[in-house]
Amino acid sequence: VIDELLPEVGKSYNLTTNPDERAIG
């Protein structure tokens, strides 16, 4: 999730890197 998926989506969108602003479920 952290090393592959988020960087892939982050190529197109400005995603937070703040862990308090990231949820997973």
mmCIF file of all heavy atoms, coordinates in Angstrom:
data_MODEL
# 
_entry.id   MODEL 
# 
loop_
_atom_site.group_PDB 
_atom_site.id 
_atom_site.type_symbol 
_atom_site.label_atom_id 
_atom_site.label_alt_id 
_atom_site.label_comp_id 
_atom_site.label_asym_id 
_atom_site.label_entity_id 
_atom_site.label_seq_id 
_atom_site.pdbx_PDB_ins_code 
_atom_site.Cartn_x 
_atom_site.Cartn_y 
_atom_site.Cartn_z 
_atom_site.occupancy 
_atom_site.B_iso_or_equiv 
_atom_site.pdbx_formal_charge 
_atom_site.auth_seq_id 
_atom_site.auth_comp_id 
_atom_site.auth_asym_id 
_atom_site.auth_atom_id 
_atom_site.pdbx_PDB_model_num 
ATOM 1   N N   . VAL A 1 1  ? 0.830   -1.210 0.000   1.00 0.00 ? 1  VAL A N   1 
ATOM 2   C CA  . VAL A 1 1  ? 0.000   0.000  0.000   1.00 0.00 ? 1  VAL A CA  1 
ATOM 3   C C   . VAL A 1 1  ? 0.862   1.257  0.000   1.00 0.00 ? 1  VAL A C   1 
ATOM 4   O O   . VAL A 1 1  ? 0.638   2.191  -0.791  1.00 0.00 ? 1  VAL A O   1 
ATOM 5   C CB  . VAL A 1 1  ? -0.948  -0.005 1.216   1.00 0.00 ? 1  VAL A CB  1 
ATOM 6   C CG1 . VAL A 1 1  ? -1.682  1.333  1.330   1.00 0.00 ? 1  VAL A CG1 1 
ATOM 7   C CG2 . VAL A 1 1  ? -1.962  -1.144 1.100   1.00 0.00 ? 1  VAL A CG2 1 
ATOM 8   N N   . ILE A 1 2  ? 1.844   1.299  0.883   1.00 0.00 ? 2  ILE A N   1 
ATOM 9   C CA  . ILE A 1 2  ? 2.606   2.527  1.112   1.00 0.00 ? 2  ILE A CA  1 
ATOM 10  C C   . ILE A 1 2  ? 3.651   2.767  0.038   1.00 0.00 ? 2  ILE A C   1 
ATOM 11  O O   . ILE A 1 2  ? 3.849   3.908  -0.409  1.00 0.00 ? 2  ILE A O   1 
ATOM 12  C CB  . ILE A 1 2  ? 3.251   2.484  2.518   1.00 0.00 ? 2  ILE A CB  1 
ATOM 13  C CG1 . ILE A 1 2  ? 2.158   2.430  3.591   1.00 0.00 ? 2  ILE A CG1 1 
ATOM 14  C CG2 . ILE A 1 2  ? 4.170   3.682  2.742   1.00 0.00 ? 2  ILE A CG2 1 
ATOM 15  C CD1 . ILE A 1 2  ? 2.646   1.966  4.946   1.00 0.00 ? 2  ILE A CD1 1 
ATOM 16  N N   . ASP A 1 3  ? 4.327   1.710  -0.385  1.00 0.00 ? 3  ASP A N   1 
ATOM 17  C CA  . ASP A 1 3  ? 5.438   1.875  -1.328  1.00 0.00 ? 3  ASP A CA  1 
ATOM 18  C C   . ASP A 1 3  ? 5.043   1.717  -2.786  1.00 0.00 ? 3  ASP A C   1 
ATOM 19  O O   . ASP A 1 3  ? 5.805   2.145  -3.671  1.00 0.00 ? 3  ASP A O   1 
ATOM 20  C CB  . ASP A 1 3  ? 6.554   0.870  -1.012  1.00 0.00 ? 3  ASP A CB  1 
ATOM 21  C CG  . ASP A 1 3  ? 7.155   1.072  0.367   1.00 0.00 ? 3  ASP A CG  1 
ATOM 22  O OD1 . ASP A 1 3  ? 7.020   2.188  0.914   1.00 0.00 ? 3  ASP A OD1 1 
ATOM 23  O OD2 . ASP A 1 3  ? 7.739   0.108  0.904   1.00 0.00 ? 3  ASP A OD2 1 
ATOM 24  N N   . GLU A 1 4  ? 3.875   1.103  -3.049  1.00 0.00 ? 4  GLU A N   1 
ATOM 25  C CA  . GLU A 1 4  ? 3.473   0.881  -4.439  1.00 0.00 ? 4  GLU A CA  1 
ATOM 26  C C   . GLU A 1 4  ? 2.181   1.596  -4.796  1.00 0.00 ? 4  GLU A C   1 
ATOM 27  O O   . GLU A 1 4  ? 2.130   2.382  -5.738  1.00 0.00 ? 4  GLU A O   1 
ATOM 28  C CB  . GLU A 1 4  ? 3.314   -0.624 -4.708  1.00 0.00 ? 4  GLU A CB  1 
ATOM 29  C CG  . GLU A 1 4  ? 4.618   -1.395 -4.671  1.00 0.00 ? 4  GLU A CG  1 
ATOM 30  C CD  . GLU A 1 4  ? 4.466   -2.827 -5.162  1.00 0.00 ? 4  GLU A CD  1 
ATOM 31  O OE1 . GLU A 1 4  ? 3.421   -3.454 -4.909  1.00 0.00 ? 4  GLU A OE1 1 
ATOM 32  O OE2 . GLU A 1 4  ? 5.395   -3.319 -5.804  1.00 0.00 ? 4  GLU A OE2 1 
ATOM 33  N N   . LEU A 1 5  ? 1.107   1.306  -4.042  1.00 0.00 ? 5  LEU A N   1 
ATOM 34  C CA  . LEU A 1 5  ? -0.205  1.806  -4.432  1.00 0.00 ? 5  LEU A CA  1 
ATOM 35  C C   . LEU A 1 5  ? -0.313  3.323  -4.282  1.00 0.00 ? 5  LEU A C   1 
ATOM 36  O O   . LEU A 1 5  ? -0.744  4.018  -5.215  1.00 0.00 ? 5  LEU A O   1 
ATOM 37  C CB  . LEU A 1 5  ? -1.290  1.102  -3.609  1.00 0.00 ? 5  LEU A CB  1 
ATOM 38  C CG  . LEU A 1 5  ? -2.740  1.453  -3.961  1.00 0.00 ? 5  LEU A CG  1 
ATOM 39  C CD1 . LEU A 1 5  ? -3.045  1.069  -5.410  1.00 0.00 ? 5  LEU A CD1 1 
ATOM 40  C CD2 . LEU A 1 5  ? -3.705  0.756  -3.008  1.00 0.00 ? 5  LEU A CD2 1 
ATOM 41  N N   . LEU A 1 6  ? 0.054   3.849  -3.115  1.00 0.00 ? 6  LEU A N   1 
ATOM 42  C CA  . LEU A 1 6  ? -0.057  5.297  -2.918  1.00 0.00 ? 6  LEU A CA  1 
ATOM 43  C C   . LEU A 1 6  ? 0.823   6.085  -3.894  1.00 0.00 ? 6  LEU A C   1 
ATOM 44  O O   . LEU A 1 6  ? 0.350   7.082  -4.468  1.00 0.00 ? 6  LEU A O   1 
ATOM 45  C CB  . LEU A 1 6  ? 0.266   5.663  -1.476  1.00 0.00 ? 6  LEU A CB  1 
ATOM 46  C CG  . LEU A 1 6  ? -0.742  5.217  -0.411  1.00 0.00 ? 6  LEU A CG  1 
ATOM 47  C CD1 . LEU A 1 6  ? -0.331  5.742  0.961   1.00 0.00 ? 6  LEU A CD1 1 
ATOM 48  C CD2 . LEU A 1 6  ? -2.156  5.665  -0.734  1.00 0.00 ? 6  LEU A CD2 1 
ATOM 49  N N   . PRO A 1 7  ? 2.070   5.687  -4.118  1.00 0.00 ? 7  PRO A N   1 
ATOM 50  C CA  . PRO A 1 7  ? 2.851   6.419  -5.121  1.00 0.00 ? 7  PRO A CA  1 
ATOM 51  C C   . PRO A 1 7  ? 2.252   6.356  -6.524  1.00 0.00 ? 7  PRO A C   1 
ATOM 52  O O   . PRO A 1 7  ? 2.336   7.327  -7.277  1.00 0.00 ? 7  PRO A O   1 
ATOM 53  C CB  . PRO A 1 7  ? 4.216   5.721  -5.082  1.00 0.00 ? 7  PRO A CB  1 
ATOM 54  C CG  . PRO A 1 7  ? 4.314   5.167  -3.702  1.00 0.00 ? 7  PRO A CG  1 
ATOM 55  C CD  . PRO A 1 7  ? 2.918   4.734  -3.367  1.00 0.00 ? 7  PRO A CD  1 
ATOM 56  N N   . GLU A 1 8  ? 1.639   5.212  -6.876  1.00 0.00 ? 8  GLU A N   1 
ATOM 57  C CA  . GLU A 1 8  ? 1.021   5.103  -8.196  1.00 0.00 ? 8  GLU A CA  1 
ATOM 58  C C   . GLU A 1 8  ? -0.142  6.082  -8.328  1.00 0.00 ? 8  GLU A C   1 
ATOM 59  O O   . GLU A 1 8  ? -0.243  6.817  -9.314  1.00 0.00 ? 8  GLU A O   1 
ATOM 60  C CB  . GLU A 1 8  ? 0.535   3.673  -8.420  1.00 0.00 ? 8  GLU A CB  1 
ATOM 61  C CG  . GLU A 1 8  ? -0.068  3.426  -9.784  1.00 0.00 ? 8  GLU A CG  1 
ATOM 62  C CD  . GLU A 1 8  ? 0.922   3.519  -10.919 1.00 0.00 ? 8  GLU A CD  1 
ATOM 63  O OE1 . GLU A 1 8  ? 2.146   3.432  -10.670 1.00 0.00 ? 8  GLU A OE1 1 
ATOM 64  O OE2 . GLU A 1 8  ? 0.477   3.693  -12.069 1.00 0.00 ? 8  GLU A OE2 1 
ATOM 65  N N   . VAL A 1 9  ? -1.034  6.114  -7.331  1.00 0.00 ? 9  VAL A N   1 
ATOM 66  C CA  . VAL A 1 9  ? -2.152  7.055  -7.374  1.00 0.00 ? 9  VAL A CA  1 
ATOM 67  C C   . VAL A 1 9  ? -1.645  8.488  -7.239  1.00 0.00 ? 9  VAL A C   1 
ATOM 68  O O   . VAL A 1 9  ? -2.184  9.422  -7.851  1.00 0.00 ? 9  VAL A O   1 
ATOM 69  C CB  . VAL A 1 9  ? -3.170  6.721  -6.265  1.00 0.00 ? 9  VAL A CB  1 
ATOM 70  C CG1 . VAL A 1 9  ? -4.313  7.738  -6.247  1.00 0.00 ? 9  VAL A CG1 1 
ATOM 71  C CG2 . VAL A 1 9  ? -3.719  5.310  -6.464  1.00 0.00 ? 9  VAL A CG2 1 
ATOM 72  N N   . GLY A 1 10 ? -0.580  8.666  -6.459  1.00 0.00 ? 10 GLY A N   1 
ATOM 73  C CA  . GLY A 1 10 ? -0.019  9.996  -6.259  1.00 0.00 ? 10 GLY A CA  1 
ATOM 74  C C   . GLY A 1 10 ? 0.586   10.612 -7.509  1.00 0.00 ? 10 GLY A C   1 
ATOM 75  O O   . GLY A 1 10 ? 0.870   11.815 -7.528  1.00 0.00 ? 10 GLY A O   1 
ATOM 76  N N   . LYS A 1 11 ? 0.790   9.825  -8.558  1.00 0.00 ? 11 LYS A N   1 
ATOM 77  C CA  . LYS A 1 11 ? 1.252   10.397 -9.830  1.00 0.00 ? 11 LYS A CA  1 
ATOM 78  C C   . LYS A 1 11 ? 0.201   11.316 -10.446 1.00 0.00 ? 11 LYS A C   1 
ATOM 79  O O   . LYS A 1 11 ? 0.535   12.227 -11.214 1.00 0.00 ? 11 LYS A O   1 
ATOM 80  C CB  . LYS A 1 11 ? 1.584   9.277  -10.812 1.00 0.00 ? 11 LYS A CB  1 
ATOM 81  C CG  . LYS A 1 11 ? 2.781   8.426  -10.431 1.00 0.00 ? 11 LYS A CG  1 
ATOM 82  C CD  . LYS A 1 11 ? 2.961   7.286  -11.429 1.00 0.00 ? 11 LYS A CD  1 
ATOM 83  C CE  . LYS A 1 11 ? 4.113   6.364  -11.035 1.00 0.00 ? 11 LYS A CE  1 
ATOM 84  N NZ  . LYS A 1 11 ? 4.246   5.217  -11.974 1.00 0.00 ? 11 LYS A NZ  1 
ATOM 85  N N   . SER A 1 12 ? -1.063  11.055 -10.102 1.00 0.00 ? 12 SER A N   1 
ATOM 86  C CA  . SER A 1 12 ? -2.161  11.816 -10.710 1.00 0.00 ? 12 SER A CA  1 
ATOM 87  C C   . SER A 1 12 ? -2.843  12.761 -9.737  1.00 0.00 ? 12 SER A C   1 
ATOM 88  O O   . SER A 1 12 ? -3.507  13.712 -10.179 1.00 0.00 ? 12 SER A O   1 
ATOM 89  C CB  . SER A 1 12 ? -3.206  10.842 -11.269 1.00 0.00 ? 12 SER A CB  1 
ATOM 90  O OG  . SER A 1 12 ? -2.635  9.973  -12.237 1.00 0.00 ? 12 SER A OG  1 
ATOM 91  N N   . TYR A 1 13 ? -2.707  12.521 -8.433  1.00 0.00 ? 13 TYR A N   1 
ATOM 92  C CA  . TYR A 1 13 ? -3.449  13.312 -7.451  1.00 0.00 ? 13 TYR A CA  1 
ATOM 93  C C   . TYR A 1 13 ? -2.543  13.693 -6.291  1.00 0.00 ? 13 TYR A C   1 
ATOM 94  O O   . TYR A 1 13 ? -1.602  12.959 -5.949  1.00 0.00 ? 13 TYR A O   1 
ATOM 95  C CB  . TYR A 1 13 ? -4.668  12.529 -6.937  1.00 0.00 ? 13 TYR A CB  1 
ATOM 96  C CG  . TYR A 1 13 ? -5.559  12.074 -8.054  1.00 0.00 ? 13 TYR A CG  1 
ATOM 97  C CD1 . TYR A 1 13 ? -5.498  10.754 -8.517  1.00 0.00 ? 13 TYR A CD1 1 
ATOM 98  C CD2 . TYR A 1 13 ? -6.413  12.964 -8.695  1.00 0.00 ? 13 TYR A CD2 1 
ATOM 99  C CE1 . TYR A 1 13 ? -6.285  10.342 -9.573  1.00 0.00 ? 13 TYR A CE1 1 
ATOM 100 C CE2 . TYR A 1 13 ? -7.203  12.552 -9.761  1.00 0.00 ? 13 TYR A CE2 1 
ATOM 101 C CZ  . TYR A 1 13 ? -7.132  11.246 -10.195 1.00 0.00 ? 13 TYR A CZ  1 
ATOM 102 O OH  . TYR A 1 13 ? -7.902  10.843 -11.254 1.00 0.00 ? 13 TYR A OH  1 
ATOM 103 N N   . ASN A 1 14 ? -2.834  14.822 -5.699  1.00 0.00 ? 14 ASN A N   1 
ATOM 104 C CA  . ASN A 1 14 ? -2.062  15.339 -4.575  1.00 0.00 ? 14 ASN A CA  1 
ATOM 105 C C   . ASN A 1 14 ? -2.585  14.712 -3.290  1.00 0.00 ? 14 ASN A C   1 
ATOM 106 O O   . ASN A 1 14 ? -3.611  15.140 -2.753  1.00 0.00 ? 14 ASN A O   1 
ATOM 107 C CB  . ASN A 1 14 ? -2.163  16.868 -4.530  1.00 0.00 ? 14 ASN A CB  1 
ATOM 108 C CG  . ASN A 1 14 ? -1.230  17.487 -3.508  1.00 0.00 ? 14 ASN A CG  1 
ATOM 109 O OD1 . ASN A 1 14 ? -0.481  16.788 -2.824  1.00 0.00 ? 14 ASN A OD1 1 
ATOM 110 N ND2 . ASN A 1 14 ? -1.266  18.807 -3.400  1.00 0.00 ? 14 ASN A ND2 1 
ATOM 111 N N   . LEU A 1 15 ? -1.899  13.685 -2.805  1.00 0.00 ? 15 LEU A N   1 
ATOM 112 C CA  . LEU A 1 15 ? -2.327  12.942 -1.628  1.00 0.00 ? 15 LEU A CA  1 
ATOM 113 C C   . LEU A 1 15 ? -1.526  13.383 -0.415  1.00 0.00 ? 15 LEU A C   1 
ATOM 114 O O   . LEU A 1 15 ? -0.317  13.594 -0.486  1.00 0.00 ? 15 LEU A O   1 
ATOM 115 C CB  . LEU A 1 15 ? -2.113  11.435 -1.837  1.00 0.00 ? 15 LEU A CB  1 
ATOM 116 C CG  . LEU A 1 15 ? -2.744  10.805 -3.074  1.00 0.00 ? 15 LEU A CG  1 
ATOM 117 C CD1 . LEU A 1 15 ? -2.395  9.318  -3.126  1.00 0.00 ? 15 LEU A CD1 1 
ATOM 118 C CD2 . LEU A 1 15 ? -4.243  11.009 -3.096  1.00 0.00 ? 15 LEU A CD2 1 
ATOM 119 N N   . THR A 1 16 ? -2.200  13.473 0.715   1.00 0.00 ? 16 THR A N   1 
ATOM 120 C CA  . THR A 1 16 ? -1.513  13.823 1.944   1.00 0.00 ? 16 THR A CA  1 
ATOM 121 C C   . THR A 1 16 ? -0.478  12.758 2.319   1.00 0.00 ? 16 THR A C   1 
ATOM 122 O O   . THR A 1 16 ? -0.654  11.570 2.035   1.00 0.00 ? 16 THR A O   1 
ATOM 123 C CB  . THR A 1 16 ? -2.512  13.993 3.097   1.00 0.00 ? 16 THR A CB  1 
ATOM 124 O OG1 . THR A 1 16 ? -1.802  14.438 4.272   1.00 0.00 ? 16 THR A OG1 1 
ATOM 125 C CG2 . THR A 1 16 ? -3.221  12.684 3.406   1.00 0.00 ? 16 THR A CG2 1 
ATOM 126 N N   . THR A 1 17 ? 0.578   13.200 2.981   1.00 0.00 ? 17 THR A N   1 
ATOM 127 C CA  . THR A 1 17 ? 1.544   12.275 3.575   1.00 0.00 ? 17 THR A CA  1 
ATOM 128 C C   . THR A 1 17 ? 1.425   12.255 5.090   1.00 0.00 ? 17 THR A C   1 
ATOM 129 O O   . THR A 1 17 ? 2.201   11.567 5.760   1.00 0.00 ? 17 THR A O   1 
ATOM 130 C CB  . THR A 1 17 ? 2.976   12.673 3.181   1.00 0.00 ? 17 THR A CB  1 
ATOM 131 O OG1 . THR A 1 17 ? 3.236   14.018 3.623   1.00 0.00 ? 17 THR A OG1 1 
ATOM 132 C CG2 . THR A 1 17 ? 3.172   12.590 1.670   1.00 0.00 ? 17 THR A CG2 1 
ATOM 133 N N   . ASN A 1 18 ? 0.454   12.981 5.625   1.00 0.00 ? 18 ASN A N   1 
ATOM 134 C CA  . ASN A 1 18 ? 0.235   13.047 7.072   1.00 0.00 ? 18 ASN A CA  1 
ATOM 135 C C   . ASN A 1 18 ? -0.491  11.785 7.522   1.00 0.00 ? 18 ASN A C   1 
ATOM 136 O O   . ASN A 1 18 ? -1.622  11.526 7.087   1.00 0.00 ? 18 ASN A O   1 
ATOM 137 C CB  . ASN A 1 18 ? -0.591  14.291 7.394   1.00 0.00 ? 18 ASN A CB  1 
ATOM 138 C CG  . ASN A 1 18 ? -0.827  14.473 8.876   1.00 0.00 ? 18 ASN A CG  1 
ATOM 139 O OD1 . ASN A 1 18 ? -0.584  13.577 9.681   1.00 0.00 ? 18 ASN A OD1 1 
ATOM 140 N ND2 . ASN A 1 18 ? -1.327  15.640 9.254   1.00 0.00 ? 18 ASN A ND2 1 
ATOM 141 N N   . PRO A 1 19 ? 0.093   10.968 8.392   1.00 0.00 ? 19 PRO A N   1 
ATOM 142 C CA  . PRO A 1 19 ? -0.581  9.720  8.796   1.00 0.00 ? 19 PRO A CA  1 
ATOM 143 C C   . PRO A 1 19 ? -1.907  9.953  9.514   1.00 0.00 ? 19 PRO A C   1 
ATOM 144 O O   . PRO A 1 19 ? -2.777  9.081  9.477   1.00 0.00 ? 19 PRO A O   1 
ATOM 145 C CB  . PRO A 1 19 ? 0.441   9.055  9.724   1.00 0.00 ? 19 PRO A CB  1 
ATOM 146 C CG  . PRO A 1 19 ? 1.307   10.157 10.212  1.00 0.00 ? 19 PRO A CG  1 
ATOM 147 C CD  . PRO A 1 19 ? 1.392   11.131 9.073   1.00 0.00 ? 19 PRO A CD  1 
ATOM 148 N N   . ASP A 1 20 ? -2.080  11.116 10.152  1.00 0.00 ? 20 ASP A N   1 
ATOM 149 C CA  . ASP A 1 20 ? -3.347  11.423 10.799  1.00 0.00 ? 20 ASP A CA  1 
ATOM 150 C C   . ASP A 1 20 ? -4.441  11.750 9.792   1.00 0.00 ? 20 ASP A C   1 
ATOM 151 O O   . ASP A 1 20 ? -5.614  11.858 10.173  1.00 0.00 ? 20 ASP A O   1 
ATOM 152 C CB  . ASP A 1 20 ? -3.180  12.597 11.766  1.00 0.00 ? 20 ASP A CB  1 
ATOM 153 C CG  . ASP A 1 20 ? -2.416  12.198 13.021  1.00 0.00 ? 20 ASP A CG  1 
ATOM 154 O OD1 . ASP A 1 20 ? -2.709  11.120 13.567  1.00 0.00 ? 20 ASP A OD1 1 
ATOM 155 O OD2 . ASP A 1 20 ? -1.528  12.956 13.444  1.00 0.00 ? 20 ASP A OD2 1 
ATOM 156 N N   . GLU A 1 21 ? -4.075  11.925 8.527   1.00 0.00 ? 21 GLU A N   1 
ATOM 157 C CA  . GLU A 1 21 ? -5.038  12.214 7.476   1.00 0.00 ? 21 GLU A CA  1 
ATOM 158 C C   . GLU A 1 21 ? -5.197  11.049 6.498   1.00 0.00 ? 21 GLU A C   1 
ATOM 159 O O   . GLU A 1 21 ? -5.751  11.205 5.419   1.00 0.00 ? 21 GLU A O   1 
ATOM 160 C CB  . GLU A 1 21 ? -4.626  13.481 6.719   1.00 0.00 ? 21 GLU A CB  1 
ATOM 161 C CG  . GLU A 1 21 ? -4.670  14.722 7.603   1.00 0.00 ? 21 GLU A CG  1 
ATOM 162 C CD  . GLU A 1 21 ? -4.403  15.997 6.827   1.00 0.00 ? 21 GLU A CD  1 
ATOM 163 O OE1 . GLU A 1 21 ? -3.648  15.960 5.824   1.00 0.00 ? 21 GLU A OE1 1 
ATOM 164 O OE2 . GLU A 1 21 ? -4.964  17.032 7.218   1.00 0.00 ? 21 GLU A OE2 1 
ATOM 165 N N   . ARG A 1 22 ? -4.748  9.881  6.932   1.00 0.00 ? 22 ARG A N   1 
ATOM 166 C CA  . ARG A 1 22 ? -4.897  8.677  6.121   1.00 0.00 ? 22 ARG A CA  1 
ATOM 167 C C   . ARG A 1 22 ? -5.691  7.644  6.912   1.00 0.00 ? 22 ARG A C   1 
ATOM 168 O O   . ARG A 1 22 ? -5.354  7.323  8.053   1.00 0.00 ? 22 ARG A O   1 
ATOM 169 C CB  . ARG A 1 22 ? -3.533  8.084  5.772   1.00 0.00 ? 22 ARG A CB  1 
ATOM 170 C CG  . ARG A 1 22 ? -2.735  8.858  4.738   1.00 0.00 ? 22 ARG A CG  1 
ATOM 171 C CD  . ARG A 1 22 ? -1.361  8.238  4.616   1.00 0.00 ? 22 ARG A CD  1 
ATOM 172 N NE  . ARG A 1 22 ? -0.602  8.744  3.490   1.00 0.00 ? 22 ARG A NE  1 
ATOM 173 C CZ  . ARG A 1 22 ? 0.647   8.394  3.231   1.00 0.00 ? 22 ARG A CZ  1 
ATOM 174 N NH1 . ARG A 1 22 ? 1.262   7.522  4.035   1.00 0.00 ? 22 ARG A NH1 1 
ATOM 175 N NH2 . ARG A 1 22 ? 1.293   8.891  2.208   1.00 0.00 ? 22 ARG A NH2 1 
ATOM 176 N N   . ALA A 1 23 ? -6.738  7.115  6.302   1.00 0.00 ? 23 ALA A N   1 
ATOM 177 C CA  . ALA A 1 23 ? -7.560  6.070  6.908   1.00 0.00 ? 23 ALA A CA  1 
ATOM 178 C C   . ALA A 1 23 ? -7.496  4.828  6.028   1.00 0.00 ? 23 ALA A C   1 
ATOM 179 O O   . ALA A 1 23 ? -7.325  4.920  4.804   1.00 0.00 ? 23 ALA A O   1 
ATOM 180 C CB  . ALA A 1 23 ? -9.008  6.535  7.059   1.00 0.00 ? 23 ALA A CB  1 
ATOM 181 N N   . ILE A 1 24 ? -7.662  3.679  6.656   1.00 0.00 ? 24 ILE A N   1 
ATOM 182 C CA  . ILE A 1 24 ? -7.668  2.416  5.923   1.00 0.00 ? 24 ILE A CA  1 
ATOM 183 C C   . ILE A 1 24 ? -8.707  1.503  6.558   1.00 0.00 ? 24 ILE A C   1 
ATOM 184 O O   . ILE A 1 24 ? -8.890  1.515  7.779   1.00 0.00 ? 24 ILE A O   1 
ATOM 185 C CB  . ILE A 1 24 ? -6.267  1.764  5.922   1.00 0.00 ? 24 ILE A CB  1 
ATOM 186 C CG1 . ILE A 1 24 ? -6.233  0.542  4.994   1.00 0.00 ? 24 ILE A CG1 1 
ATOM 187 C CG2 . ILE A 1 24 ? -5.777  1.428  7.328   1.00 0.00 ? 24 ILE A CG2 1 
ATOM 188 C CD1 . ILE A 1 24 ? -4.825  0.106  4.627   1.00 0.00 ? 24 ILE A CD1 1 
ATOM 189 N N   . GLY A 1 25 ? -9.421  0.754  5.741   1.00 0.00 ? 25 GLY A N   1 
ATOM 190 C CA  . GLY A 1 25 ? -10.500 -0.063 6.285   1.00 0.00 ? 25 GLY A CA  1 
ATOM 191 C C   . GLY A 1 25 ? -10.800 -1.265 5.430   1.00 0.00 ? 25 GLY A C   1 
ATOM 192 O O   . GLY A 1 25 ? -10.240 -1.454 4.335   1.00 0.00 ? 25 GLY A O   1 
# 
